[in-house]
All heavy atoms as atom14 arrays in JSON, in Angstrom:
{
  "sequence": "DGLPSDVVHGIAAEPDAVWLATEAVNYNGQWRGGAARHDVQHAAWTT",
  "atom14_mask": [
    [1, 1, 1, 1, 1, 1, 1, 1, 0, 0, 0, 0, 0, 0],
    [1, 1, 1, 1, 0, 0, 0, 0, 0, 0, 0, 0, 0, 0],
    [1, 1, 1, 1, 1, 1, 1, 1, 0, 0, 0, 0, 0, 0],
    [1, 1, 1, 1, 1, 1, 1, 0, 0, 0, 0, 0, 0, 0],
    [1, 1, 1, 1, 1, 1, 0, 0, 0, 0, 0, 0, 0, 0],
    [1, 1, 1, 1, 1, 1, 1, 1, 0, 0, 0, 0, 0, 0],
    [1, 1, 1, 1, 1, 1, 1, 0, 0, 0, 0, 0, 0, 0],
    [1, 1, 1, 1, 1, 1, 1, 0, 0, 0, 0, 0, 0, 0],
    [1, 1, 1, 1, 1, 1, 1, 1, 1, 1, 0, 0, 0, 0],
    [1, 1, 1, 1, 0, 0, 0, 0, 0, 0, 0, 0, 0, 0],
    [1, 1, 1, 1, 1, 1, 1, 1, 0, 0, 0, 0, 0, 0],
    [1, 1, 1, 1, 1, 0, 0, 0, 0, 0, 0, 0, 0, 0],
    [1, 1, 1, 1, 1, 0, 0, 0, 0, 0, 0, 0, 0, 0],
    [1, 1, 1, 1, 1, 1, 1, 1, 1, 0, 0, 0, 0, 0],
    [1, 1, 1, 1, 1, 1, 1, 0, 0, 0, 0, 0, 0, 0],
    [1, 1, 1, 1, 1, 1, 1, 1, 0, 0, 0, 0, 0, 0],
    [1, 1, 1, 1, 1, 0, 0, 0, 0, 0, 0, 0, 0, 0],
    [1, 1, 1, 1, 1, 1, 1, 0, 0, 0, 0, 0, 0, 0],
    [1, 1, 1, 1, 1, 1, 1, 1, 1, 1, 1, 1, 1, 1],
    [1, 1, 1, 1, 1, 1, 1, 1, 0, 0, 0, 0, 0, 0],
    [1, 1, 1, 1, 1, 0, 0, 0, 0, 0, 0, 0, 0, 0],
    [1, 1, 1, 1, 1, 1, 1, 0, 0, 0, 0, 0, 0, 0],
    [1, 1, 1, 1, 1, 1, 1, 1, 1, 0, 0, 0, 0, 0],
    [1, 1, 1, 1, 1, 0, 0, 0, 0, 0, 0, 0, 0, 0],
    [1, 1, 1, 1, 1, 1, 1, 0, 0, 0, 0, 0, 0, 0],
    [1, 1, 1, 1, 1, 1, 1, 1, 0, 0, 0, 0, 0, 0],
    [1, 1, 1, 1, 1, 1, 1, 1, 1, 1, 1, 1, 0, 0],
    [1, 1, 1, 1, 1, 1, 1, 1, 0, 0, 0, 0, 0, 0],
    [1, 1, 1, 1, 0, 0, 0, 0, 0, 0, 0, 0, 0, 0],
    [1, 1, 1, 1, 1, 1, 1, 1, 1, 0, 0, 0, 0, 0],
    [1, 1, 1, 1, 1, 1, 1, 1, 1, 1, 1, 1, 1, 1],
    [1, 1, 1, 1, 1, 1, 1, 1, 1, 1, 1, 0, 0, 0],
    [1, 1, 1, 1, 0, 0, 0, 0, 0, 0, 0, 0, 0, 0],
    [1, 1, 1, 1, 0, 0, 0, 0, 0, 0, 0, 0, 0, 0],
    [1, 1, 1, 1, 1, 0, 0, 0, 0, 0, 0, 0, 0, 0],
    [1, 1, 1, 1, 1, 0, 0, 0, 0, 0, 0, 0, 0, 0],
    [1, 1, 1, 1, 1, 1, 1, 1, 1, 1, 1, 0, 0, 0],
    [1, 1, 1, 1, 1, 1, 1, 1, 1, 1, 0, 0, 0, 0],
    [1, 1, 1, 1, 1, 1, 1, 1, 0, 0, 0, 0, 0, 0],
    [1, 1, 1, 1, 1, 1, 1, 0, 0, 0, 0, 0, 0, 0],
    [1, 1, 1, 1, 1, 1, 1, 1, 1, 0, 0, 0, 0, 0],
    [1, 1, 1, 1, 1, 1, 1, 1, 1, 1, 0, 0, 0, 0],
    [1, 1, 1, 1, 1, 0, 0, 0, 0, 0, 0, 0, 0, 0],
    [1, 1, 1, 1, 1, 0, 0, 0, 0, 0, 0, 0, 0, 0],
    [1, 1, 1, 1, 1, 1, 1, 1, 1, 1, 1, 1, 1, 1],
    [1, 1, 1, 1, 1, 1, 1, 0, 0, 0, 0, 0, 0, 0],
    [1, 1, 1, 1, 1, 1, 1, 0, 0, 0, 0, 0, 0, 0]
  ],
  "atom14_positions": [
    [[58.66, 98.03, 106.04], [59.59, 97.54, 107.04], [59.12, 97.72, 108.46], [59.82, 97.32, 109.43], [60.97, 98.26, 106.89], [61.64, 97.98, 105.57], [61.5, 96.82, 105.09], [62.26, 98.86, 105.0], [0.0, 0.0, 0.0], [0.0, 0.0, 0.0], [0.0, 0.0, 0.0], [0.0, 0.0, 0.0], [0.0, 0.0, 0.0], [0.0, 0.0, 0.0]],
    [[57.91, 98.29, 108.63], [57.36, 98.43, 110.0], [57.13, 99.88, 110.48], [56.51, 100.09, 111.49], [0.0, 0.0, 0.0], [0.0, 0.0, 0.0], [0.0, 0.0, 0.0], [0.0, 0.0, 0.0], [0.0, 0.0, 0.0], [0.0, 0.0, 0.0], [0.0, 0.0, 0.0], [0.0, 0.0, 0.0], [0.0, 0.0, 0.0], [0.0, 0.0, 0.0]],
    [[57.64, 100.87, 109.71], [57.39, 102.23, 110.08], [55.94, 102.6, 109.74], [55.41, 102.12, 108.72], [58.27, 103.17, 109.27], [59.69, 103.38, 109.79], [60.5, 104.22, 108.73], [59.73, 104.04, 111.09], [0.0, 0.0, 0.0], [0.0, 0.0, 0.0], [0.0, 0.0, 0.0], [0.0, 0.0, 0.0], [0.0, 0.0, 0.0], [0.0, 0.0, 0.0]],
    [[55.27, 103.4, 110.58], [53.9, 103.78, 110.26], [53.86, 104.76, 109.04], [52.84, 104.79, 108.36], [53.39, 104.48, 111.48], [54.62, 104.93, 112.2], [55.72, 103.95, 111.86], [0.0, 0.0, 0.0], [0.0, 0.0, 0.0], [0.0, 0.0, 0.0], [0.0, 0.0, 0.0], [0.0, 0.0, 0.0], [0.0, 0.0, 0.0], [0.0, 0.0, 0.0]],
    [[54.96, 105.47, 108.85], [55.01, 106.46, 107.76], [56.44, 106.57, 107.28], [57.38, 106.39, 108.05], [54.54, 107.82, 108.26], [54.85, 108.84, 107.4], [0.0, 0.0, 0.0], [0.0, 0.0, 0.0], [0.0, 0.0, 0.0], [0.0, 0.0, 0.0], [0.0, 0.0, 0.0], [0.0, 0.0, 0.0], [0.0, 0.0, 0.0], [0.0, 0.0, 0.0]],
    [[56.61, 106.91, 106.0], [57.96, 107.09, 105.42], [58.53, 108.47, 105.67], [59.66, 108.78, 105.35], [57.95, 106.81, 103.94], [57.71, 105.37, 103.63], [58.01, 104.48, 104.48], [57.21, 105.06, 102.53], [0.0, 0.0, 0.0], [0.0, 0.0, 0.0], [0.0, 0.0, 0.0], [0.0, 0.0, 0.0], [0.0, 0.0, 0.0], [0.0, 0.0, 0.0]],
    [[57.72, 109.39, 106.25], [58.12, 110.77, 106.49], [58.5, 110.9, 107.97], [57.66, 110.88, 108.84], [57.04, 111.78, 106.09], [57.55, 113.2, 106.33], [56.57, 111.57, 104.68], [0.0, 0.0, 0.0], [0.0, 0.0, 0.0], [0.0, 0.0, 0.0], [0.0, 0.0, 0.0], [0.0, 0.0, 0.0], [0.0, 0.0, 0.0], [0.0, 0.0, 0.0]],
    [[59.82, 111.01, 108.21], [60.34, 111.07, 109.57], [60.85, 112.5, 109.86], [61.66, 113.03, 109.1], [61.47, 110.05, 109.76], [62.11, 110.16, 111.16], [60.96, 108.62, 109.51], [0.0, 0.0, 0.0], [0.0, 0.0, 0.0], [0.0, 0.0, 0.0], [0.0, 0.0, 0.0], [0.0, 0.0, 0.0], [0.0, 0.0, 0.0], [0.0, 0.0, 0.0]],
    [[60.37, 113.07, 110.97], [60.79, 114.42, 111.3], [61.72, 114.48, 112.5], [62.29, 115.51, 112.8], [59.56, 115.31, 111.63], [58.75, 115.67, 110.44], [59.21, 116.59, 109.48], [57.57, 115.21, 110.0], [58.3, 116.67, 108.54], [57.28, 115.87, 108.79], [0.0, 0.0, 0.0], [0.0, 0.0, 0.0], [0.0, 0.0, 0.0], [0.0, 0.0, 0.0]],
    [[61.87, 113.39, 113.25], [62.76, 113.41, 114.39], [63.19, 112.02, 114.82], [62.45, 111.03, 114.57], [0.0, 0.0, 0.0], [0.0, 0.0, 0.0], [0.0, 0.0, 0.0], [0.0, 0.0, 0.0], [0.0, 0.0, 0.0], [0.0, 0.0, 0.0], [0.0, 0.0, 0.0], [0.0, 0.0, 0.0], [0.0, 0.0, 0.0], [0.0, 0.0, 0.0]],
    [[64.41, 111.93, 115.36], [64.95, 110.65, 115.85], [65.59, 110.89, 117.17], [66.28, 111.86, 117.38], [66.01, 110.12, 114.88], [65.42, 109.88, 113.47], [66.65, 108.83, 115.4], [66.48, 109.53, 112.42], [0.0, 0.0, 0.0], [0.0, 0.0, 0.0], [0.0, 0.0, 0.0], [0.0, 0.0, 0.0], [0.0, 0.0, 0.0], [0.0, 0.0, 0.0]],
    [[65.35, 109.99, 118.13], [65.95, 110.03, 119.47], [66.42, 108.61, 119.83], [65.65, 107.66, 119.6], [65.02, 110.58, 120.48], [0.0, 0.0, 0.0], [0.0, 0.0, 0.0], [0.0, 0.0, 0.0], [0.0, 0.0, 0.0], [0.0, 0.0, 0.0], [0.0, 0.0, 0.0], [0.0, 0.0, 0.0], [0.0, 0.0, 0.0], [0.0, 0.0, 0.0]],
    [[67.61, 108.49, 120.37], [68.14, 107.18, 120.68], [68.22, 106.91, 122.18], [68.46, 107.82, 122.97], [69.55, 107.07, 120.1], [0.0, 0.0, 0.0], [0.0, 0.0, 0.0], [0.0, 0.0, 0.0], [0.0, 0.0, 0.0], [0.0, 0.0, 0.0], [0.0, 0.0, 0.0], [0.0, 0.0, 0.0], [0.0, 0.0, 0.0], [0.0, 0.0, 0.0]],
    [[67.95, 105.67, 122.54], [68.2, 105.12, 123.85], [69.22, 103.99, 123.69], [69.48, 103.59, 122.55], [66.9, 104.57, 124.44], [65.79, 105.51, 124.63], [64.55, 104.83, 125.22], [63.9, 104.08, 124.52], [64.31, 105.02, 126.4], [0.0, 0.0, 0.0], [0.0, 0.0, 0.0], [0.0, 0.0, 0.0], [0.0, 0.0, 0.0], [0.0, 0.0, 0.0]],
    [[69.74, 103.46, 124.75], [70.68, 102.35, 124.6], [70.14, 101.15, 123.85], [70.87, 100.51, 123.09], [71.06, 102.0, 126.04], [70.82, 103.24, 126.81], [69.62, 103.91, 126.16], [0.0, 0.0, 0.0], [0.0, 0.0, 0.0], [0.0, 0.0, 0.0], [0.0, 0.0, 0.0], [0.0, 0.0, 0.0], [0.0, 0.0, 0.0], [0.0, 0.0, 0.0]],
    [[68.87, 100.83, 124.06], [68.3, 99.62, 123.44], [67.27, 99.9, 122.33], [66.67, 98.96, 121.81], [67.66, 98.78, 124.55], [66.51, 99.49, 125.22], [66.41, 100.68, 125.12], [65.75, 98.76, 125.93], [0.0, 0.0, 0.0], [0.0, 0.0, 0.0], [0.0, 0.0, 0.0], [0.0, 0.0, 0.0], [0.0, 0.0, 0.0], [0.0, 0.0, 0.0]],
    [[67.0, 101.18, 122.03], [65.92, 101.49, 121.06], [66.2, 102.81, 120.41], [66.93, 103.66, 120.9], [64.56, 101.46, 121.74], [0.0, 0.0, 0.0], [0.0, 0.0, 0.0], [0.0, 0.0, 0.0], [0.0, 0.0, 0.0], [0.0, 0.0, 0.0], [0.0, 0.0, 0.0], [0.0, 0.0, 0.0], [0.0, 0.0, 0.0], [0.0, 0.0, 0.0]],
    [[65.5, 102.99, 119.29], [65.47, 104.28, 118.61], [64.04, 104.62, 118.42], [63.18, 103.83, 118.02], [66.15, 104.17, 117.21], [66.11, 105.49, 116.46], [67.62, 103.75, 117.4], [0.0, 0.0, 0.0], [0.0, 0.0, 0.0], [0.0, 0.0, 0.0], [0.0, 0.0, 0.0], [0.0, 0.0, 0.0], [0.0, 0.0, 0.0], [0.0, 0.0, 0.0]],
    [[63.7, 105.92, 118.72], [62.35, 106.43, 118.54], [62.32, 107.4, 117.35], [63.22, 108.15, 117.21], [61.91, 107.18, 119.79], [61.65, 106.33, 120.99], [62.56, 105.86, 121.87], [60.39, 105.78, 121.35], [61.94, 105.07, 122.8], [60.6, 105.03, 122.51], [59.09, 105.88, 120.83], [59.54, 104.34, 123.14], [58.09, 105.23, 121.48], [58.28, 104.45, 122.65]],
    [[61.25, 107.29, 116.55], [61.1, 108.2, 115.42], [59.75, 108.91, 115.51], [58.74, 108.31, 115.88], [61.1, 107.41, 114.11], [62.53, 106.91, 113.65], [62.88, 105.64, 114.41], [62.5, 106.65, 112.19], [0.0, 0.0, 0.0], [0.0, 0.0, 0.0], [0.0, 0.0, 0.0], [0.0, 0.0, 0.0], [0.0, 0.0, 0.0], [0.0, 0.0, 0.0]],
    [[59.77, 110.21, 115.2], [58.53, 111.02, 115.11], [58.18, 111.04, 113.64], [58.93, 111.59, 112.83], [58.78, 112.41, 115.68], [0.0, 0.0, 0.0], [0.0, 0.0, 0.0], [0.0, 0.0, 0.0], [0.0, 0.0, 0.0], [0.0, 0.0, 0.0], [0.0, 0.0, 0.0], [0.0, 0.0, 0.0], [0.0, 0.0, 0.0], [0.0, 0.0, 0.0]],
    [[57.05, 110.49, 113.27], [56.67, 110.4, 111.89], [55.42, 111.28, 111.6], [54.57, 111.51, 112.47], [56.38, 108.97, 111.45], [55.19, 108.49, 112.05], [57.53, 108.05, 111.74], [0.0, 0.0, 0.0], [0.0, 0.0, 0.0], [0.0, 0.0, 0.0], [0.0, 0.0, 0.0], [0.0, 0.0, 0.0], [0.0, 0.0, 0.0], [0.0, 0.0, 0.0]],
    [[55.38, 111.78, 110.36], [54.24, 112.55, 109.88], [53.13, 111.65, 109.46], [53.33, 110.61, 108.85], [54.71, 113.4, 108.69], [53.65, 114.28, 108.14], [54.19, 115.16, 107.02], [55.36, 115.62, 107.09], [53.48, 115.33, 106.03], [0.0, 0.0, 0.0], [0.0, 0.0, 0.0], [0.0, 0.0, 0.0], [0.0, 0.0, 0.0], [0.0, 0.0, 0.0]],
    [[51.88, 112.04, 109.75], [50.71, 111.25, 109.28], [50.6, 111.46, 107.81], [50.56, 112.58, 107.29], [49.45, 111.75, 109.99], [0.0, 0.0, 0.0], [0.0, 0.0, 0.0], [0.0, 0.0, 0.0], [0.0, 0.0, 0.0], [0.0, 0.0, 0.0], [0.0, 0.0, 0.0], [0.0, 0.0, 0.0], [0.0, 0.0, 0.0], [0.0, 0.0, 0.0]],
    [[50.59, 110.33, 107.08], [50.51, 110.32, 105.64], [49.4, 109.39, 105.18], [49.17, 108.34, 105.79], [51.88, 109.84, 105.02], [51.78, 109.7, 103.51], [53.01, 110.79, 105.44], [0.0, 0.0, 0.0], [0.0, 0.0, 0.0], [0.0, 0.0, 0.0], [0.0, 0.0, 0.0], [0.0, 0.0, 0.0], [0.0, 0.0, 0.0], [0.0, 0.0, 0.0]],
    [[48.7, 109.76, 104.12], [47.62, 108.96, 103.6], [48.14, 107.9, 102.65], [48.71, 108.2, 101.62], [46.61, 109.85, 102.86], [45.34, 109.11, 102.52], [45.33, 107.92, 102.3], [44.25, 109.87, 102.42], [0.0, 0.0, 0.0], [0.0, 0.0, 0.0], [0.0, 0.0, 0.0], [0.0, 0.0, 0.0], [0.0, 0.0, 0.0], [0.0, 0.0, 0.0]],
    [[48.09, 106.63, 103.04], [48.49, 105.53, 102.26], [47.2, 104.75, 101.8], [46.57, 104.11, 102.61], [49.38, 104.55, 103.04], [50.73, 105.16, 103.36], [50.97, 105.71, 104.6], [51.76, 105.11, 102.42], [52.23, 106.25, 104.88], [52.99, 105.61, 102.72], [53.21, 106.18, 103.99], [54.46, 106.74, 104.24], [0.0, 0.0, 0.0], [0.0, 0.0, 0.0]],
    [[46.85, 104.91, 100.55], [45.7, 104.22, 99.97], [44.43, 104.46, 100.79], [43.72, 103.45, 101.12], [45.97, 102.72, 99.82], [47.15, 102.47, 98.85], [47.29, 103.18, 97.84], [47.99, 101.52, 99.21], [0.0, 0.0, 0.0], [0.0, 0.0, 0.0], [0.0, 0.0, 0.0], [0.0, 0.0, 0.0], [0.0, 0.0, 0.0], [0.0, 0.0, 0.0]],
    [[44.18, 105.65, 101.22], [42.96, 105.96, 101.98], [43.03, 105.8, 103.44], [42.09, 106.02, 104.2], [0.0, 0.0, 0.0], [0.0, 0.0, 0.0], [0.0, 0.0, 0.0], [0.0, 0.0, 0.0], [0.0, 0.0, 0.0], [0.0, 0.0, 0.0], [0.0, 0.0, 0.0], [0.0, 0.0, 0.0], [0.0, 0.0, 0.0], [0.0, 0.0, 0.0]],
    [[44.19, 105.39, 103.94], [44.35, 105.19, 105.39], [45.47, 106.12, 105.92], [46.61, 106.04, 105.43], [44.7, 103.76, 105.72], [44.85, 103.52, 107.2], [45.23, 102.05, 107.49], [45.48, 101.24, 106.6], [45.28, 101.7, 108.75], [0.0, 0.0, 0.0], [0.0, 0.0, 0.0], [0.0, 0.0, 0.0], [0.0, 0.0, 0.0], [0.0, 0.0, 0.0]],
    [[45.16, 106.97, 106.88], [46.17, 107.87, 107.47], [47.04, 107.08, 108.46], [46.48, 106.43, 109.36], [45.51, 109.05, 108.16], [44.99, 110.05, 107.16], [43.71, 110.07, 106.63], [45.71, 111.06, 106.53], [43.61, 111.08, 105.74], [44.81, 111.72, 105.68], [47.02, 111.55, 106.62], [45.2, 112.77, 104.87], [47.39, 112.61, 105.87], [46.51, 113.22, 105.0]],
    [[48.34, 107.16, 108.24], [49.25, 106.43, 109.16], [50.37, 107.37, 109.58], [50.9, 108.15, 108.8], [49.85, 105.23, 108.46], [48.8, 104.15, 108.16], [49.37, 102.92, 107.49], [50.79, 102.77, 107.57], [51.52, 102.05, 106.76], [50.96, 101.45, 105.75], [52.81, 101.93, 106.94], [0.0, 0.0, 0.0], [0.0, 0.0, 0.0], [0.0, 0.0, 0.0]],
    [[50.77, 107.28, 110.84], [51.85, 108.08, 111.37], [51.96, 107.76, 112.87], [51.37, 106.83, 113.4], [0.0, 0.0, 0.0], [0.0, 0.0, 0.0], [0.0, 0.0, 0.0], [0.0, 0.0, 0.0], [0.0, 0.0, 0.0], [0.0, 0.0, 0.0], [0.0, 0.0, 0.0], [0.0, 0.0, 0.0], [0.0, 0.0, 0.0], [0.0, 0.0, 0.0]],
    [[52.75, 108.58, 113.59], [52.84, 108.41, 115.05], [54.27, 108.2, 115.46], [55.2, 108.58, 114.78], [0.0, 0.0, 0.0], [0.0, 0.0, 0.0], [0.0, 0.0, 0.0], [0.0, 0.0, 0.0], [0.0, 0.0, 0.0], [0.0, 0.0, 0.0], [0.0, 0.0, 0.0], [0.0, 0.0, 0.0], [0.0, 0.0, 0.0], [0.0, 0.0, 0.0]],
    [[54.41, 107.64, 116.65], [55.71, 107.4, 117.28], [56.11, 105.94, 117.02], [55.46, 105.03, 117.48], [55.64, 107.67, 118.79], [0.0, 0.0, 0.0], [0.0, 0.0, 0.0], [0.0, 0.0, 0.0], [0.0, 0.0, 0.0], [0.0, 0.0, 0.0], [0.0, 0.0, 0.0], [0.0, 0.0, 0.0], [0.0, 0.0, 0.0], [0.0, 0.0, 0.0]],
    [[57.21, 105.8, 116.31], [57.72, 104.45, 116.01], [58.89, 104.14, 116.87], [59.78, 104.96, 117.04], [58.1, 104.37, 114.54], [0.0, 0.0, 0.0], [0.0, 0.0, 0.0], [0.0, 0.0, 0.0], [0.0, 0.0, 0.0], [0.0, 0.0, 0.0], [0.0, 0.0, 0.0], [0.0, 0.0, 0.0], [0.0, 0.0, 0.0], [0.0, 0.0, 0.0]],
    [[59.0, 102.95, 117.44], [60.07, 102.49, 118.26], [60.72, 101.27, 117.62], [60.05, 100.3, 117.33], [59.6, 102.13, 119.67], [60.72, 101.67, 120.58], [60.2, 101.25, 121.97], [61.25, 100.94, 122.89], [61.82, 99.74, 122.99], [61.44, 98.73, 122.23], [62.8, 99.54, 123.86], [0.0, 0.0, 0.0], [0.0, 0.0, 0.0], [0.0, 0.0, 0.0]],
    [[62.05, 101.36, 117.42], [62.79, 100.23, 116.87], [63.56, 99.59, 118.0], [64.47, 100.23, 118.55], [63.69, 100.69, 115.76], [64.38, 99.56, 115.06], [65.7, 99.17, 115.35], [63.92, 98.66, 114.18], [66.0, 98.15, 114.64], [64.99, 97.84, 113.88], [0.0, 0.0, 0.0], [0.0, 0.0, 0.0], [0.0, 0.0, 0.0], [0.0, 0.0, 0.0]],
    [[63.22, 98.35, 118.31], [63.97, 97.58, 119.31], [65.24, 97.06, 118.65], [65.18, 96.23, 117.75], [63.12, 96.46, 119.81], [63.77, 95.58, 120.88], [64.97, 95.31, 120.76], [63.05, 95.21, 121.85], [0.0, 0.0, 0.0], [0.0, 0.0, 0.0], [0.0, 0.0, 0.0], [0.0, 0.0, 0.0], [0.0, 0.0, 0.0], [0.0, 0.0, 0.0]],
    [[66.35, 97.57, 119.09], [67.65, 97.22, 118.39], [67.98, 95.76, 118.52], [68.36, 95.11, 117.56], [68.76, 98.12, 118.95], [70.08, 97.71, 118.38], [68.48, 99.58, 118.7], [0.0, 0.0, 0.0], [0.0, 0.0, 0.0], [0.0, 0.0, 0.0], [0.0, 0.0, 0.0], [0.0, 0.0, 0.0], [0.0, 0.0, 0.0], [0.0, 0.0, 0.0]],
    [[67.83, 95.19, 119.73], [68.17, 93.8, 119.93], [67.36, 92.83, 119.09], [67.86, 91.87, 118.54], [68.07, 93.45, 121.45], [68.45, 92.0, 121.72], [68.32, 91.67, 123.21], [67.97, 92.51, 123.98], [68.66, 90.45, 123.56], [0.0, 0.0, 0.0], [0.0, 0.0, 0.0], [0.0, 0.0, 0.0], [0.0, 0.0, 0.0], [0.0, 0.0, 0.0]],
    [[66.05, 93.07, 119.03], [65.15, 92.19, 118.3], [64.8, 92.61, 116.89], [64.06, 91.95, 116.19], [63.84, 91.97, 119.12], [64.06, 91.42, 120.47], [64.07, 92.18, 121.62], [64.37, 90.15, 120.85], [64.33, 91.39, 122.64], [64.51, 90.17, 122.21], [0.0, 0.0, 0.0], [0.0, 0.0, 0.0], [0.0, 0.0, 0.0], [0.0, 0.0, 0.0]],
    [[65.33, 93.77, 116.49], [65.09, 94.31, 115.13], [63.61, 94.34, 114.86], [63.16, 93.97, 113.72], [65.86, 93.51, 114.09], [0.0, 0.0, 0.0], [0.0, 0.0, 0.0], [0.0, 0.0, 0.0], [0.0, 0.0, 0.0], [0.0, 0.0, 0.0], [0.0, 0.0, 0.0], [0.0, 0.0, 0.0], [0.0, 0.0, 0.0], [0.0, 0.0, 0.0]],
    [[62.82, 94.85, 115.84], [61.36, 94.88, 115.68], [60.85, 96.28, 115.86], [61.37, 97.08, 116.68], [60.74, 93.98, 116.69], [0.0, 0.0, 0.0], [0.0, 0.0, 0.0], [0.0, 0.0, 0.0], [0.0, 0.0, 0.0], [0.0, 0.0, 0.0], [0.0, 0.0, 0.0], [0.0, 0.0, 0.0], [0.0, 0.0, 0.0], [0.0, 0.0, 0.0]],
    [[59.79, 96.63, 115.09], [59.15, 97.95, 115.2], [57.84, 97.84, 115.95], [57.1, 96.88, 115.78], [58.85, 98.47, 113.8], [60.04, 98.91, 113.05], [60.72, 98.21, 112.09], [60.71, 100.17, 113.13], [61.75, 98.94, 111.57], [61.77, 100.17, 112.24], [60.49, 101.32, 113.91], [62.63, 101.23, 112.06], [61.31, 102.4, 113.76], [62.38, 102.37, 112.82]],
    [[57.55, 98.83, 116.8], [56.26, 99.02, 117.37], [55.83, 100.45, 117.15], [56.7, 101.35, 117.03], [56.22, 98.71, 118.87], [57.2, 99.49, 119.54], [56.47, 97.27, 119.16], [0.0, 0.0, 0.0], [0.0, 0.0, 0.0], [0.0, 0.0, 0.0], [0.0, 0.0, 0.0], [0.0, 0.0, 0.0], [0.0, 0.0, 0.0], [0.0, 0.0, 0.0]],
    [[54.55, 100.74, 117.1], [54.06, 102.07, 116.83], [53.06, 102.49, 117.93], [52.21, 101.7, 118.32], [53.39, 102.17, 115.48], [54.31, 101.81, 114.45], [52.8, 103.54, 115.21], [0.0, 0.0, 0.0], [0.0, 0.0, 0.0], [0.0, 0.0, 0.0], [0.0, 0.0, 0.0], [0.0, 0.0, 0.0], [0.0, 0.0, 0.0], [0.0, 0.0, 0.0]]
  ]
}
C-alpha cells in the first residue's frame, strides 16, 4: 500500500498528513524502512 515497512513504531498527525516511524525490515534481500508520510487529501504515501 506504500509503506516502506509493515512494522510501525510511532504515528504523528498533522491537519493534512500522518507521519509514521517504521522499522527497517528485510524484504526479499532489501532493507526498507524510514519515515512514511500519508497525504490525507490525495491518499498518497511518500517515504
